Amino acid sequence: MRLAEMFDGQDTMTFEERVAEVVAIVSSAADFAGADHGLRAMFQQVCAARDEREFDEAFDKLVVSLSENTTKYLQSA
């Protein structure tokens, strides 16, 4: 999912505001101090994105890795 799709119809928010909202949601949903600690560098790339293209690329990688990490965690439990 692209940043533009996440905020479709909400043109009043700046790029920085949209990124901050997504970062807040992801950081509250993931456990970067625990089970997801290995993905912290990817999360930092999402946080540091300078434009929408960078954000979309970093976010896609993070989502795929979070999904894989969750699957591994559930299989080991």
C-alpha atoms as a PDB file:
ATOM      1  CA  MET A   1       0.000   0.000   0.000  1.00  0.00           C
ATOM      2  CA  ARG A   2       1.254   3.430  -0.935  1.00  0.00           C
ATOM      3  CA  LEU A   3       1.208   6.489   1.304  1.00  0.00           C
ATOM      4  CA  ALA A   4      -1.123   8.263  -1.126  1.00  0.00           C
ATOM      5  CA  GLU A   5      -3.581   5.361  -0.899  1.00  0.00           C
ATOM      6  CA  MET A   6      -3.498   5.409   2.905  1.00  0.00           C
ATOM      7  CA  PHE A   7      -4.661   9.007   2.959  1.00  0.00           C
ATOM      8  CA  ASP A   8      -6.850   9.099  -0.135  1.00  0.00           C
ATOM      9  CA  GLY A   9      -9.074  12.166  -0.019  1.00  0.00           C
ATOM     10  CA  GLN A  10      -7.165  13.805   2.835  1.00  0.00           C
ATOM     11  CA  ASP A  11      -5.193  16.425   0.961  1.00  0.00           C
ATOM     12  CA  THR A  12      -4.988  18.722   3.976  1.00  0.00           C
ATOM     13  CA  MET A  13      -2.148  16.752   5.595  1.00  0.00           C
ATOM     14  CA  THR A  14       1.472  17.374   4.639  1.00  0.00           C
ATOM     15  CA  PHE A  15       3.844  14.560   3.720  1.00  0.00           C
ATOM     16  CA  GLU A  16       5.484  14.871   7.135  1.00  0.00           C
ATOM     17  CA  GLU A  17       2.131  14.668   8.951  1.00  0.00           C
ATOM     18  CA  ARG A  18       1.090  11.577   7.008  1.00  0.00           C
ATOM     19  CA  VAL A  19       4.428   9.868   7.676  1.00  0.00           C
ATOM     20  CA  ALA A  20       4.218  10.746  11.380  1.00  0.00           C
ATOM     21  CA  GLU A  21       0.769   9.174  11.609  1.00  0.00           C
ATOM     22  CA  VAL A  22       1.892   5.946   9.912  1.00  0.00           C
ATOM     23  CA  VAL A  23       5.043   5.813  12.052  1.00  0.00           C
ATOM     24  CA  ALA A  24       2.955   6.173  15.215  1.00  0.00           C
ATOM     25  CA  ILE A  25       0.640   3.350  14.156  1.00  0.00           C
ATOM     26  CA  VAL A  26       3.479   1.006  13.175  1.00  0.00           C
ATOM     27  CA  SER A  27       5.511   1.714  16.313  1.00  0.00           C
ATOM     28  CA  SER A  28       2.510   0.959  18.518  1.00  0.00           C
ATOM     29  CA  ALA A  29       1.729  -2.263  16.623  1.00  0.00           C
ATOM     30  CA  ALA A  30       5.264  -3.671  16.376  1.00  0.00           C
ATOM     31  CA  ASP A  31       7.607  -4.779  19.136  1.00  0.00           C
ATOM     32  CA  PHE A  32      10.935  -3.266  18.070  1.00  0.00           C
ATOM     33  CA  ALA A  33      12.363  -3.877  21.543  1.00  0.00           C
ATOM     34  CA  GLY A  34      11.356  -7.549  21.479  1.00  0.00           C
ATOM     35  CA  ALA A  35      10.199  -9.941  18.779  1.00  0.00           C
ATOM     36  CA  ASP A  36      10.601  -7.393  15.965  1.00  0.00           C
ATOM     37  CA  HIS A  37      13.936  -5.951  17.164  1.00  0.00           C
ATOM     38  CA  GLY A  38      15.729  -7.112  14.008  1.00  0.00           C
ATOM     39  CA  LEU A  39      13.476  -4.896  11.912  1.00  0.00           C
ATOM     40  CA  ARG A  40      14.324  -1.657  13.704  1.00  0.00           C
ATOM     41  CA  ALA A  41      16.699  -0.512  10.933  1.00  0.00           C
ATOM     42  CA  MET A  42      13.921  -0.904   8.364  1.00  0.00           C
ATOM     43  CA  PHE A  43      11.577   1.052  10.618  1.00  0.00           C
ATOM     44  CA  GLN A  44      14.176   3.821  10.854  1.00  0.00           C
ATOM     45  CA  GLN A  45      14.285   3.980   7.039  1.00  0.00           C
ATOM     46  CA  VAL A  46      10.525   4.534   7.017  1.00  0.00           C
ATOM     47  CA  CYS A  47      10.932   7.293   9.605  1.00  0.00           C
ATOM     48  CA  ALA A  48      13.748   8.959   7.658  1.00  0.00           C
ATOM     49  CA  ALA A  49      12.059   8.947   4.238  1.00  0.00           C
ATOM     50  CA  ARG A  50      12.554  12.278   2.485  1.00  0.00           C
ATOM     51  CA  ASP A  51       9.829  11.852  -0.080  1.00  0.00           C
ATOM     52  CA  GLU A  52       6.879   9.671  -0.946  1.00  0.00           C
ATOM     53  CA  ARG A  53       8.876   7.334  -3.188  1.00  0.00           C
ATOM     54  CA  GLU A  54      11.426   6.632  -0.433  1.00  0.00           C
ATOM     55  CA  PHE A  55       8.634   6.115   2.070  1.00  0.00           C
ATOM     56  CA  ASP A  56       6.752   3.694  -0.177  1.00  0.00           C
ATOM     57  CA  GLU A  57       9.867   1.590  -0.838  1.00  0.00           C
ATOM     58  CA  ALA A  58      10.883   1.454   2.827  1.00  0.00           C
ATOM     59  CA  PHE A  59       7.329   0.791   4.001  1.00  0.00           C
ATOM     60  CA  ASP A  60       6.867  -2.072   1.528  1.00  0.00           C
ATOM     61  CA  LYS A  61      10.069  -3.745   2.767  1.00  0.00           C
ATOM     62  CA  LEU A  62       9.032  -3.281   6.392  1.00  0.00           C
ATOM     63  CA  VAL A  63       5.539  -4.699   5.845  1.00  0.00           C
ATOM     64  CA  VAL A  64       6.895  -7.798   4.101  1.00  0.00           C
ATOM     65  CA  SER A  65       9.498  -8.334   6.819  1.00  0.00           C
ATOM     66  CA  LEU A  66       6.989  -7.799   9.630  1.00  0.00           C
ATOM     67  CA  SER A  67       4.716 -10.358   8.034  1.00  0.00           C
ATOM     68  CA  GLU A  68       7.548 -12.880   7.696  1.00  0.00           C
ATOM     69  CA  ASN A  69       8.735 -12.175  11.233  1.00  0.00           C
ATOM     70  CA  THR A  70       5.244 -12.676  12.651  1.00  0.00           C
ATOM     71  CA  THR A  71       4.841 -15.956  10.767  1.00  0.00           C
ATOM     72  CA  LYS A  72       8.176 -17.238  12.134  1.00  0.00           C
ATOM     73  CA  TYR A  73       7.253 -16.156  15.654  1.00  0.00           C
ATOM     74  CA  LEU A  74       3.863 -17.891  15.509  1.00  0.00           C
ATOM     75  CA  GLN A  75       5.391 -21.084  14.141  1.00  0.00           C
ATOM     76  CA  SER A  76       7.913 -21.214  16.973  1.00  0.00           C
ATOM     77  CA  ALA A  77       5.333 -20.581  19.706  1.00  0.00           C
END
